Amino acid sequence: MSWNAYHPIIFLPEKIRNYIQSEANYLYADLKNNQNTTTLIPADKPKFLGHKIHALEHANPKWYSELYHGHAHFRRDRSLNALDRIRNLEDKIFYEFKHKKSEQEYVYVVSKKNKRGKYRQKPKVKQILKPLIKSRYGYDLLYREFILERLTKGYKQDNYLVPPNDEVVDYFSSKTIEEKFDSTAAE
């Protein structure tokens, strides 16, 4: 079995795991301490007496904003939970659920009045699809991929370029992952 971001980091060698944990610690603290907050300030062009507008006082981290805008229904609390699981080696394997087959449900549609002045109800069959539950631990997968990308490609932070981590890059590029996994499992 070869390691990929679908699997928990516990299956990685300790050295690589520590790099991922320390990056998760940083991201967790950064996200926990930096949240969008707004304040009311007088408007530049007031339309009425006492006109005020919202101004951003503190912003989310840039990396979080990019993730937020790249995914529908992205949630901060789930992000914090996933990062907390990764930094405490409690992250889980990613797996998907498929939706169940559609079910039939009878819906009563009210028709016109009959001769006696009462409404008749006709049963009508309606197909209902069960919602697709996308995944369990999808945020864990997303953040493992994100951290791995930051460690292997580097990133820009506060106008500084943070270079890739050479040990992580060497681990994931020099040998095939299967060979490395087999060698670490033998130890």
Protein backbone atom coordinates (compact mmCIF):
# COMPACT_ATOMS: atom_id res chain seq x y z
CA MET A 1 0.00 0.00 0.00
CA SER A 2 1.38 3.41 -0.91
CA TRP A 3 0.66 6.58 1.04
CA ASN A 4 -1.35 9.39 -0.47
CA ALA A 5 -3.40 12.21 1.02
CA TYR A 6 -6.40 9.88 1.39
CA HIS A 7 -4.59 8.13 4.27
CA PRO A 8 -3.80 9.46 7.76
CA ILE A 9 -0.32 10.82 8.36
CA ILE A 10 0.35 8.18 11.02
CA PHE A 11 1.43 5.89 8.15
CA LEU A 12 4.30 8.24 7.22
CA PRO A 13 7.80 8.08 8.73
CA GLU A 14 8.15 10.09 11.91
CA LYS A 15 10.37 12.77 10.39
CA ILE A 16 7.93 13.55 7.55
CA ARG A 17 4.98 13.30 9.95
CA ASN A 18 6.59 15.90 12.23
CA TYR A 19 6.92 18.36 9.35
CA ILE A 20 3.26 17.90 8.47
CA GLN A 21 2.24 18.25 12.12
CA SER A 22 4.24 21.44 12.58
CA GLU A 23 2.68 22.93 9.44
CA ALA A 24 -0.77 21.92 10.73
CA ASN A 25 0.06 23.58 14.07
CA TYR A 26 0.98 26.79 12.28
CA LEU A 27 -2.15 26.75 10.09
CA TYR A 28 -4.37 25.99 13.09
CA ALA A 29 -2.95 28.87 15.14
CA ASP A 30 -3.08 31.22 12.15
CA LEU A 31 -6.72 30.39 11.46
CA LYS A 32 -7.74 30.46 15.13
CA ASN A 33 -6.14 33.86 15.78
CA ASN A 34 -7.07 35.63 12.54
CA GLN A 35 -10.74 35.98 11.74
CA ASN A 36 -12.67 38.56 9.75
CA THR A 37 -13.89 41.31 12.05
CA THR A 38 -15.59 44.48 10.92
CA THR A 39 -16.27 47.83 12.49
CA LEU A 40 -18.60 50.69 11.60
CA ILE A 41 -17.00 53.89 10.33
CA PRO A 42 -18.57 57.08 8.95
CA ALA A 43 -19.30 56.80 5.23
CA ASP A 44 -17.10 58.72 2.77
CA LYS A 45 -20.16 59.94 0.88
CA PRO A 46 -23.00 59.95 3.41
CA LYS A 47 -26.49 59.47 1.95
CA PHE A 48 -28.24 60.43 5.20
CA LEU A 49 -27.45 61.73 8.67
CA GLY A 50 -25.38 59.20 10.65
CA HIS A 51 -24.60 57.03 7.59
CA LYS A 52 -21.96 54.44 8.47
CA ILE A 53 -20.36 51.60 6.54
CA HIS A 54 -18.68 48.36 7.54
CA ALA A 55 -14.88 48.34 7.30
CA LEU A 56 -12.67 45.29 7.65
CA GLU A 57 -10.64 45.49 10.84
CA HIS A 58 -8.92 42.07 10.78
CA ALA A 59 -8.87 39.65 7.85
CA ASN A 60 -8.77 35.88 7.47
CA PRO A 61 -5.39 34.43 6.46
CA LYS A 62 -4.87 34.64 2.71
CA TRP A 63 -4.45 30.88 2.34
CA TYR A 64 -7.81 30.31 4.07
CA SER A 65 -9.54 32.88 1.87
CA GLU A 66 -8.27 31.08 -1.23
CA LEU A 67 -9.53 27.73 0.06
CA TYR A 68 -12.85 29.30 1.07
CA HIS A 69 -13.45 30.80 -2.36
CA GLY A 70 -12.36 27.63 -4.12
CA HIS A 71 -14.90 25.34 -2.44
CA ALA A 72 -18.65 25.61 -2.05
CA HIS A 73 -19.97 25.69 1.52
CA PHE A 74 -16.50 25.80 3.08
CA ARG A 75 -16.70 25.98 6.87
CA ARG A 76 -14.24 27.43 9.36
CA ASP A 77 -15.23 25.13 12.24
CA ARG A 78 -14.66 22.02 10.13
CA SER A 79 -11.32 23.42 9.00
CA LEU A 80 -10.22 23.95 12.58
CA ASN A 81 -11.39 20.45 13.53
CA ALA A 82 -9.49 18.85 10.62
CA LEU A 83 -6.30 20.77 11.38
CA ASP A 84 -6.62 19.84 15.04
CA ARG A 85 -6.99 16.15 14.12
CA ILE A 86 -3.93 16.32 11.84
CA ARG A 87 -1.72 18.04 14.40
CA ASN A 88 -2.75 15.51 17.08
CA LEU A 89 -2.32 12.47 14.78
CA GLU A 90 -6.05 11.74 14.95
CA ASP A 91 -6.86 12.36 11.30
CA LYS A 92 -8.96 9.71 9.60
CA ILE A 93 -8.97 7.97 6.26
CA PHE A 94 -11.08 9.58 3.56
CA TYR A 95 -13.95 7.55 2.18
CA GLU A 96 -17.11 8.30 0.23
CA PHE A 97 -20.71 7.33 0.61
CA LYS A 98 -22.90 6.84 -2.42
CA HIS A 99 -26.46 8.06 -2.34
CA LYS A 100 -29.19 5.49 -2.02
CA LYS A 101 -31.41 4.66 -4.94
CA SER A 102 -34.27 6.99 -5.53
CA GLU A 103 -37.41 6.31 -3.61
CA GLN A 104 -41.00 6.85 -4.56
CA GLU A 105 -43.19 9.00 -2.44
CA TYR A 106 -46.85 9.70 -2.83
CA VAL A 107 -47.69 13.37 -2.89
CA TYR A 108 -51.32 14.35 -2.76
CA VAL A 109 -52.22 17.08 -5.20
CA VAL A 110 -55.43 18.95 -4.59
CA SER A 111 -57.58 19.09 -7.69
CA LYS A 112 -60.66 21.12 -8.52
CA LYS A 113 -63.85 21.04 -6.54
CA ASN A 114 -66.19 18.16 -7.25
CA LYS A 115 -69.96 18.47 -7.68
CA ARG A 116 -70.55 18.53 -3.92
CA GLY A 117 -68.18 21.51 -3.51
CA LYS A 118 -65.39 19.51 -1.87
CA TYR A 119 -61.82 19.25 -3.09
CA ARG A 120 -60.58 15.87 -4.31
CA GLN A 121 -57.07 14.68 -3.67
CA LYS A 122 -55.26 12.67 -6.31
CA PRO A 123 -52.19 10.67 -5.40
CA LYS A 124 -49.27 11.49 -7.62
CA VAL A 125 -46.00 9.55 -7.62
CA LYS A 126 -42.92 11.70 -7.18
CA GLN A 127 -39.31 10.53 -7.45
CA ILE A 128 -37.11 11.64 -4.59
CA LEU A 129 -33.35 11.29 -4.71
CA LYS A 130 -31.59 10.83 -1.44
CA PRO A 131 -28.91 13.47 -0.96
CA LEU A 132 -25.37 12.51 -1.84
CA ILE A 133 -23.22 12.51 1.27
CA LYS A 134 -19.96 13.58 -0.28
CA SER A 135 -17.50 12.18 2.20
CA ARG A 136 -16.40 11.58 5.70
CA TYR A 137 -13.24 13.36 6.72
CA GLY A 138 -13.13 15.32 3.48
CA TYR A 139 -11.59 18.27 5.29
CA ASP A 140 -8.80 16.01 6.55
CA LEU A 141 -8.05 15.03 2.95
CA LEU A 142 -8.22 18.63 1.78
CA TYR A 143 -5.80 19.87 4.44
CA ARG A 144 -3.40 16.93 4.01
CA GLU A 145 -3.21 17.79 0.29
CA PHE A 146 -2.85 21.49 1.06
CA ILE A 147 -0.06 20.96 3.62
CA LEU A 148 1.74 18.53 1.32
CA GLU A 149 1.61 21.09 -1.49
CA ARG A 150 2.97 23.82 0.79
CA LEU A 151 5.82 21.59 1.95
CA THR A 152 6.77 20.29 -1.51
CA LYS A 153 6.28 23.44 -3.61
CA GLY A 154 6.79 26.24 -1.13
CA TYR A 155 4.52 29.26 -0.72
CA LYS A 156 4.44 33.02 -0.35
CA GLN A 157 3.70 34.56 3.02
CA ASP A 158 3.78 38.25 3.94
CA ASN A 159 5.73 39.09 0.75
CA TYR A 160 8.35 36.44 1.56
CA LEU A 161 8.88 33.24 -0.36
CA VAL A 162 9.04 30.17 1.88
CA PRO A 163 11.04 27.49 0.04
CA PRO A 164 9.94 23.86 -0.16
CA ASN A 165 11.11 21.51 2.56
CA ASP A 166 13.97 19.51 1.01
CA GLU A 167 13.45 16.40 3.13
CA VAL A 168 9.75 16.19 2.28
CA VAL A 169 10.48 16.80 -1.40
CA ASP A 170 13.16 14.09 -1.39
CA TYR A 171 10.87 11.64 0.36
CA PHE A 172 8.05 12.06 -2.15
CA SER A 173 10.15 12.30 -5.30
CA SER A 174 13.35 10.21 -5.17
CA LYS A 175 11.99 6.69 -4.73
CA THR A 176 8.58 5.43 -5.57
CA ILE A 177 6.22 5.87 -2.67
CA GLU A 178 5.57 2.12 -2.50
CA GLU A 179 9.27 1.40 -1.90
CA LYS A 180 9.39 3.98 0.90
CA PHE A 181 6.22 2.72 2.48
CA ASP A 182 7.49 -0.84 2.44
CA SER A 183 10.83 0.23 3.94
CA THR A 184 9.18 2.21 6.76
CA ALA A 185 6.70 -0.60 7.47
CA ALA A 186 9.62 -3.05 7.85
CA GLU A 187 11.20 -0.87 10.58
